[in-house]
């Protein structure tokens, strides 16, 4: 699978741009703030129907404009896939595949798998458990439609239950109504927990393999899947937490409390790891994501590398590029501020690349 062409209208700092792309390595070079990252975010949009960096769709509309459009032509299993994403202020977002509009955006997830590696990934280490849950959910959802549906339904029921707990604070509680929500949470939650456990059994060895390759096993690392449901069944946990839920006015038990514990040796990664160790850990997570998707989708995801060469030391960059030279990956997009550095790296591994120069929202072939 690869992206053959990309067209932008009023997306972020681009008034208009149209690119013909290589099925191999594509590099966007330019100064910081020129719009390099916006190009790979547009590619991410076409896969996930949303931005990797900006939560609000309308925030991605160019200043003083009312709408943006992203269009891409993908080649998937030798067939062309025309994907359209349009956002207009005050209107519903449109996602189309071959001119057919999706009723549910979730139906598009997984068709065109991508893996993004970006500096903002640091939040997987520094921020709360919701970021780490989002990470594993985004991977599983690309290969398991039932999981994604269960996750959407679970979050809807959870929001309804939490709203009710706030509404009845200090008042008479309708326990029959709570029981209806509890039954749904238990059904969806058990299914989600089971898939997450199976996923981690597959994912952890892939992560370990990637970390060993990048670091030459300089240190021992691990990932632990933490869930309240690991120790007890969900039904018992819901009954035990009812008083606490009523007191706190939100649901304190469930798979929405799951977490991943990242460790270096016997200690939390966040506490003792150097910046280099953290960057290697994060890159290994993303390479494991690539391997997992490749195995389950039987196609190579598009790899998006944002500012990657400034985030790894020379040795780890060389190790990563060895994977490229072995054709481990399919299509790759890279952003960097130094075109000469990119040319030198890819000359050394004898790999062709398509270089684009980006300057203030203008893209030209370099």
Protein backbone atom coordinates (compact mmCIF):
# COMPACT_ATOMS: atom_id res chain seq x y z
CA UNK A 1 0.00 0.00 0.00
CA UNK A 2 1.16 3.53 -0.74
CA UNK A 3 -0.11 7.08 -1.19
CA UNK A 4 0.36 8.14 -4.83
CA UNK A 5 -0.86 11.74 -4.60
CA UNK A 6 -1.94 14.27 -1.99
CA UNK A 7 -3.95 17.48 -2.45
CA UNK A 8 -4.61 20.11 0.22
CA UNK A 9 -6.89 23.15 0.18
CA UNK A 10 -6.91 25.59 3.13
CA UNK A 11 -5.41 22.98 5.46
CA UNK A 12 -3.46 24.59 8.31
CA UNK A 13 -0.88 26.88 6.64
CA UNK A 14 -1.53 25.59 3.07
CA UNK A 15 -3.78 27.55 0.73
CA UNK A 16 -3.28 24.90 -1.91
CA UNK A 17 -0.78 22.11 -2.49
CA UNK A 18 -0.64 19.12 -4.81
CA UNK A 19 2.06 16.43 -4.57
CA UNK A 20 2.96 13.34 -6.59
CA UNK A 21 4.64 10.92 -4.21
CA UNK A 22 7.13 8.08 -4.37
CA UNK A 23 6.00 4.63 -3.19
CA UNK A 24 9.30 4.48 -1.30
CA UNK A 25 10.88 7.24 0.83
CA UNK A 26 9.52 10.81 0.74
CA UNK A 27 11.28 13.57 2.68
CA UNK A 28 9.88 17.01 3.52
CA UNK A 29 12.62 19.50 4.39
CA UNK A 30 12.48 23.10 5.52
CA UNK A 31 12.82 25.42 8.49
CA UNK A 32 10.83 24.91 11.66
CA UNK A 33 7.31 26.30 11.23
CA UNK A 34 7.34 25.96 7.44
CA UNK A 35 4.58 23.30 7.39
CA UNK A 36 6.48 19.99 7.13
CA UNK A 37 4.57 18.35 9.97
CA UNK A 38 1.26 19.56 8.55
CA UNK A 39 1.85 17.44 5.45
CA UNK A 40 2.26 14.19 7.35
CA UNK A 41 -0.66 15.15 9.60
CA UNK A 42 -2.80 15.40 6.44
CA UNK A 43 -1.78 11.83 5.56
CA UNK A 44 -2.72 10.73 9.07
CA UNK A 45 -6.10 12.46 8.61
CA UNK A 46 -6.84 10.35 5.54
CA UNK A 47 -6.29 7.19 7.58
CA UNK A 48 -7.86 8.10 10.95
CA UNK A 49 -10.36 10.83 9.90
CA UNK A 50 -8.75 13.19 12.42
CA UNK A 51 -5.54 15.04 13.18
CA UNK A 52 -2.71 13.45 15.17
CA UNK A 53 -1.90 16.80 16.79
CA UNK A 54 -5.05 18.96 16.96
CA UNK A 55 -8.24 17.72 18.69
CA UNK A 56 -10.64 20.12 16.96
CA UNK A 57 -11.24 19.73 13.21
CA UNK A 58 -12.06 23.41 12.71
CA UNK A 59 -8.71 24.43 14.24
CA UNK A 60 -7.07 22.90 11.16
CA UNK A 61 -8.81 25.32 8.79
CA UNK A 62 -6.43 27.98 7.43
CA UNK A 63 -6.87 31.36 9.09
CA UNK A 64 -9.60 33.53 7.55
CA UNK A 65 -11.04 30.60 5.60
CA UNK A 66 -14.25 28.63 6.17
CA UNK A 67 -13.28 25.10 5.13
CA UNK A 68 -10.45 22.72 4.34
CA UNK A 69 -10.14 19.72 2.02
CA UNK A 70 -7.65 16.85 2.00
CA UNK A 71 -7.68 14.38 -0.88
CA UNK A 72 -5.45 11.39 -1.41
CA UNK A 73 -5.09 8.64 -3.99
CA UNK A 74 -3.86 5.41 -2.42
CA UNK A 75 -2.87 2.19 -4.14
CA UNK A 76 -4.08 -0.73 -2.06
CA UNK A 77 -3.67 -4.29 -3.35
CA UNK A 78 -3.18 -2.81 -6.85
CA UNK A 79 -6.53 -0.97 -6.61
CA UNK A 80 -6.91 2.80 -6.38
CA UNK A 81 -8.63 4.21 -3.32
CA UNK A 82 -9.72 7.86 -3.56
CA UNK A 83 -10.14 9.32 -0.05
CA UNK A 84 -11.73 12.72 0.59
CA UNK A 85 -11.86 14.60 3.89
CA UNK A 86 -13.73 17.89 4.08
CA UNK A 87 -14.38 20.14 7.06
CA UNK A 88 -16.52 23.29 6.89
CA UNK A 89 -17.23 25.62 9.80
CA UNK A 90 -20.70 24.95 11.18
CA UNK A 91 -21.17 21.77 9.12
CA UNK A 92 -20.63 18.06 9.63
CA UNK A 93 -17.26 16.65 8.59
CA UNK A 94 -17.32 14.59 5.39
CA UNK A 95 -15.24 11.48 4.76
CA UNK A 96 -15.63 9.78 1.39
CA UNK A 97 -14.13 6.64 -0.12
CA UNK A 98 -14.33 6.53 -3.92
CA UNK A 99 -17.05 9.25 -3.80
CA UNK A 100 -19.16 7.25 -1.32
CA UNK A 101 -19.70 9.09 1.97
CA UNK A 102 -19.27 7.19 5.20
CA UNK A 103 -22.18 7.21 7.62
CA UNK A 104 -19.85 6.18 10.44
CA UNK A 105 -16.24 7.36 10.44
CA UNK A 106 -15.31 4.26 12.44
CA UNK A 107 -16.05 2.16 9.32
CA UNK A 108 -13.00 3.76 7.66
CA UNK A 109 -10.54 2.98 10.47
CA UNK A 110 -8.14 0.21 9.50
CA UNK A 111 -8.54 0.47 5.72
CA UNK A 112 -5.29 2.44 5.34
CA UNK A 113 -3.04 1.71 8.33
CA UNK A 114 -0.42 4.29 9.29
CA UNK A 115 2.13 4.60 12.09
CA UNK A 116 3.19 8.05 13.29
CA UNK A 117 6.42 8.71 15.19
CA UNK A 118 6.56 12.29 16.49
CA UNK A 119 8.10 14.34 19.33
CA UNK A 120 4.63 14.70 20.90
CA UNK A 121 4.74 10.94 21.60
CA UNK A 122 6.63 11.86 24.77
CA UNK A 123 3.20 12.22 26.40
CA UNK A 124 2.96 8.42 26.40
CA UNK A 125 5.60 8.54 29.16
CA UNK A 126 4.91 11.85 30.87
CA UNK A 127 1.10 12.13 30.83
CA UNK A 128 -1.77 10.12 32.34
CA UNK A 129 -3.09 6.64 31.60
CA UNK A 130 -5.65 7.88 29.05
CA UNK A 131 -2.79 8.57 26.58
CA UNK A 132 -1.45 5.02 26.89
CA UNK A 133 -4.95 3.53 26.53
CA UNK A 134 -5.46 5.64 23.41
CA UNK A 135 -2.22 4.23 22.03
CA UNK A 136 -3.25 0.57 22.32
CA UNK A 137 -6.84 1.33 21.29
CA UNK A 138 -5.63 3.02 18.08
CA UNK A 139 -3.62 -0.10 17.17
CA UNK A 140 -6.28 -2.70 17.98
CA UNK A 141 -9.05 -0.67 16.32
CA UNK A 142 -7.23 -0.86 12.98
CA UNK A 143 -7.47 -4.66 12.94
CA UNK A 144 -10.60 -5.41 15.00
CA UNK A 145 -13.86 -3.66 14.08
CA UNK A 146 -15.81 -5.38 16.88
CA UNK A 147 -13.31 -4.02 19.41
CA UNK A 148 -13.77 -0.49 18.10
CA UNK A 149 -17.57 -0.81 18.25
CA UNK A 150 -17.38 -2.16 21.82
CA UNK A 151 -15.08 0.70 22.80
CA UNK A 152 -17.43 3.32 21.33
CA UNK A 153 -20.42 1.73 23.08
CA UNK A 154 -18.59 1.39 26.39
CA UNK A 155 -17.63 5.08 26.36
CA UNK A 156 -21.22 6.11 25.54
CA UNK A 157 -22.65 4.07 28.43
CA UNK A 158 -19.89 5.32 30.75
CA UNK A 159 -20.74 8.95 29.90
CA UNK A 160 -24.45 8.31 30.57
CA UNK A 161 -23.76 6.61 33.90
CA UNK A 162 -21.39 9.38 35.01
CA UNK A 163 -23.94 12.06 34.05
CA UNK A 164 -26.58 10.27 36.11
CA UNK A 165 -24.26 9.94 39.14
CA UNK A 166 -23.73 13.70 39.09
CA UNK A 167 -27.44 14.35 38.59
CA UNK A 168 -28.54 12.29 41.63
CA UNK A 169 -25.90 13.60 44.03
CA UNK A 170 -27.59 13.74 47.44
CA UNK A 171 -30.93 12.59 46.00
CA UNK A 172 -32.89 9.35 45.75
CA UNK A 173 -31.09 6.90 43.45
CA UNK A 174 -32.85 4.73 40.87
CA UNK A 175 -30.80 1.55 41.34
CA UNK A 176 -32.69 -0.26 38.57
CA UNK A 177 -31.50 2.35 36.08
CA UNK A 178 -27.93 2.04 37.35
CA UNK A 179 -28.15 -1.72 36.95
CA UNK A 180 -29.05 -1.36 33.26
CA UNK A 181 -25.92 0.73 32.66
CA UNK A 182 -23.82 -1.62 34.80
CA UNK A 183 -24.85 -4.64 32.75
CA UNK A 184 -23.85 -2.89 29.54
CA UNK A 185 -20.53 -1.72 30.97
CA UNK A 186 -19.77 -5.26 32.15
CA UNK A 187 -20.62 -6.77 28.75
CA UNK A 188 -18.58 -4.30 26.69
CA UNK A 189 -15.81 -4.01 29.30
CA UNK A 190 -15.20 -7.75 29.56
CA UNK A 191 -14.93 -8.03 25.78
CA UNK A 192 -12.48 -5.08 25.62
CA UNK A 193 -10.36 -6.44 28.48
CA UNK A 194 -10.09 -9.86 26.85
CA UNK A 195 -8.86 -8.36 23.55
CA UNK A 196 -6.40 -6.05 25.32
CA UNK A 197 -4.88 -9.01 27.20
CA UNK A 198 -4.46 -10.98 23.99
CA UNK A 199 -3.03 -7.93 22.25
CA UNK A 200 -0.39 -7.39 24.93
CA UNK A 201 0.74 -11.03 24.67
CA UNK A 202 1.53 -10.40 21.00
CA UNK A 203 2.74 -6.82 21.32
CA UNK A 204 5.29 -7.16 24.13
CA UNK A 205 7.59 -9.60 22.24
CA UNK A 206 7.47 -7.30 19.19
CA UNK A 207 8.43 -4.35 21.40
CA UNK A 208 11.27 -6.27 23.03
CA UNK A 209 12.62 -7.28 19.61
CA UNK A 210 12.58 -3.64 18.41
CA UNK A 211 14.25 -2.32 21.55
CA UNK A 212 17.00 -4.94 21.42
CA UNK A 213 17.64 -4.07 17.76
CA UNK A 214 17.83 -0.29 18.30
CA UNK A 215 19.85 -0.38 21.53
CA UNK A 216 21.78 -3.65 21.06
CA UNK A 217 20.22 -4.68 24.41
CA UNK A 218 22.02 -1.96 26.34
CA UNK A 219 19.49 -2.29 29.17
CA UNK A 220 16.46 -4.34 30.22
CA UNK A 221 13.02 -2.86 29.53
CA UNK A 222 9.47 -4.11 30.00
CA UNK A 223 5.76 -3.26 29.65
CA UNK A 224 3.10 -4.31 32.13
CA UNK A 225 -0.63 -4.25 31.34
CA UNK A 226 -2.40 -3.00 34.45
CA UNK A 227 -6.16 -3.50 34.82
CA UNK A 228 -8.58 -3.78 37.72
CA UNK A 229 -10.12 -6.69 35.82
CA UNK A 230 -6.89 -8.68 36.05
CA UNK A 231 -7.58 -9.47 39.72
CA UNK A 232 -11.38 -9.83 39.87
CA UNK A 233 -14.41 -10.10 37.60
CA UNK A 234 -16.06 -6.89 36.48
CA UNK A 235 -19.44 -7.67 38.04
CA UNK A 236 -17.95 -8.01 41.54
CA UNK A 237 -15.90 -4.87 41.09
CA UNK A 238 -18.97 -2.83 40.10
CA UNK A 239 -20.89 -3.98 43.18
CA UNK A 240 -17.96 -3.24 45.47
CA UNK A 241 -17.46 0.27 44.07
CA UNK A 242 -21.12 1.42 44.06
CA UNK A 243 -20.90 3.43 47.29
CA UNK A 244 -17.66 5.03 46.17
CA UNK A 245 -19.17 5.88 42.75
CA UNK A 246 -22.16 7.59 44.39
CA UNK A 247 -19.86 9.53 46.69
CA UNK A 248 -17.38 10.59 43.98
CA UNK A 249 -20.14 11.08 41.34
CA UNK A 250 -18.31 9.14 38.65
CA UNK A 251 -17.53 5.52 37.78
CA UNK A 252 -14.36 4.49 39.61
CA UNK A 253 -14.06 0.93 38.27
CA UNK A 254 -13.65 -0.42 34.76
CA UNK A 255 -11.43 -0.76 31.71
CA UNK A 256 -11.32 3.06 31.43
CA UNK A 257 -8.85 2.83 34.33
CA UNK A 258 -6.47 0.45 32.51
CA UNK A 259 -2.85 1.51 32.11
CA UNK A 260 0.49 0.44 30.67
CA UNK A 261 3.45 0.51 33.05
CA UNK A 262 6.70 1.28 31.22
CA UNK A 263 9.81 0.07 33.05
CA UNK A 264 13.57 0.32 32.74
CA UNK A 265 14.94 -2.53 34.82
CA UNK A 266 12.79 -2.68 37.94
CA UNK A 267 11.90 1.02 37.96
CA UNK A 268 9.39 3.25 36.15
CA UNK A 269 10.84 4.56 32.89
CA UNK A 270 9.58 8.07 33.61
CA UNK A 271 11.59 8.29 36.81
CA UNK A 272 15.05 7.04 35.85
CA UNK A 273 15.45 6.84 32.06
CA UNK A 274 17.66 9.30 30.17
CA UNK A 275 16.25 11.24 27.24
CA UNK A 276 17.99 8.87 24.85
CA UNK A 277 16.54 5.81 26.59
CA UNK A 278 13.05 7.35 26.52
CA UNK A 279 13.34 8.13 22.80
CA UNK A 280 14.53 4.60 22.06
CA UNK A 281 11.66 3.19 24.13
CA UNK A 282 9.08 5.30 22.27
CA UNK A 283 10.52 4.46 18.85
CA UNK A 284 10.46 0.76 19.80
CA UNK A 285 6.78 1.06 20.72
CA UNK A 286 6.04 2.48 17.28
CA UNK A 287 8.11 -0.15 15.45
CA UNK A 288 6.21 -2.81 17.38
CA UNK A 289 2.98 -1.11 16.30
CA UNK A 290 4.18 -1.32 12.69
CA UNK A 291 5.01 -5.03 13.03
CA UNK A 292 1.68 -5.82 14.68
CA UNK A 293 -0.34 -4.05 11.98
CA UNK A 294 1.75 -5.62 9.22
CA UNK A 295 1.15 -9.11 10.61
CA UNK A 296 -2.59 -8.64 11.05
CA UNK A 297 -3.37 -6.59 7.93
CA UNK A 298 -0.96 -8.40 5.58
CA UNK A 299 0.06 -5.00 4.19
CA UNK A 300 2.82 -2.65 5.30
CA UNK A 301 1.46 0.48 7.03
CA UNK A 302 2.64 3.88 5.87
CA UNK A 303 5.33 5.10 8.27
CA UNK A 304 5.31 8.80 9.23
CA UNK A 305 8.53 9.99 10.90
CA UNK A 306 8.31 13.56 12.22
CA UNK A 307 11.65 15.12 13.18
CA UNK A 308 13.02 11.64 13.94
CA UNK A 309 16.70 12.34 13.26
CA UNK A 310 16.84 15.09 15.88
CA UNK A 311 15.39 12.72 18.47
CA UNK A 312 17.79 9.76 18.18
CA UNK A 313 21.58 9.61 18.41
CA UNK A 314 23.64 8.71 15.33
CA UNK A 315 23.96 5.04 16.30
CA UNK A 316 20.20 4.53 16.68
CA UNK A 317 19.49 6.46 13.48
CA UNK A 318 21.87 4.11 11.68
CA UNK A 319 20.09 1.07 13.16
CA UNK A 320 16.70 2.44 12.08
CA UNK A 321 17.98 3.10 8.57
CA UNK A 322 19.29 -0.45 8.39
CA UNK A 323 15.67 -1.54 8.63
CA UNK A 324 14.83 0.78 5.73
CA UNK A 325 17.64 -0.65 3.60
CA UNK A 326 16.35 -4.18 4.29
CA UNK A 327 12.96 -3.05 2.91
CA UNK A 328 11.36 -3.82 6.25
CA UNK A 329 9.03 -0.88 5.64
CA UNK A 330 6.90 0.15 2.68
CA UNK A 331 6.23 3.84 2.03
CA UNK A 332 7.92 6.25 4.43
CA UNK A 333 7.46 10.00 5.02
CA UNK A 334 10.17 11.91 6.89
CA UNK A 335 10.36 15.52 8.03
CA UNK A 336 13.73 17.13 8.72
CA UNK A 337 15.39 20.55 8.70
CA UNK A 338 18.57 19.36 6.95
CA UNK A 339 18.20 18.12 3.35
CA UNK A 340 21.93 17.35 3.08
CA UNK A 341 21.75 15.09 6.13
CA UNK A 342 18.92 13.13 4.52
CA UNK A 343 20.78 12.79 1.21
CA UNK A 344 23.87 11.54 3.01
CA UNK A 345 21.94 9.01 5.14
CA UNK A 346 20.15 7.51 2.16
CA UNK A 347 23.24 7.51 -0.05
CA UNK A 348 25.03 5.49 2.65
CA UNK A 349 22.32 2.81 2.64
CA UNK A 350 21.94 3.02 -1.15
CA UNK A 351 18.22 3.80 -0.92
CA UNK A 352 16.53 6.29 -3.31
CA UNK A 353 14.42 9.10 -1.89
CA UNK A 354 12.05 11.79 -3.13
CA UNK A 355 12.96 15.14 -1.59
CA UNK A 356 10.50 18.04 -1.22
CA UNK A 357 11.35 21.56 -0.08
CA UNK A 358 8.77 23.21 2.16
CA UNK A 359 8.69 26.97 2.69
CA UNK A 360 5.81 28.88 4.30
CA UNK A 361 3.10 26.59 2.99
CA UNK A 362 4.65 26.07 -0.44
CA UNK A 363 5.96 22.65 -1.52
CA UNK A 364 8.36 22.06 -4.41
CA UNK A 365 10.38 19.06 -5.58
CA UNK A 366 13.96 19.57 -4.38
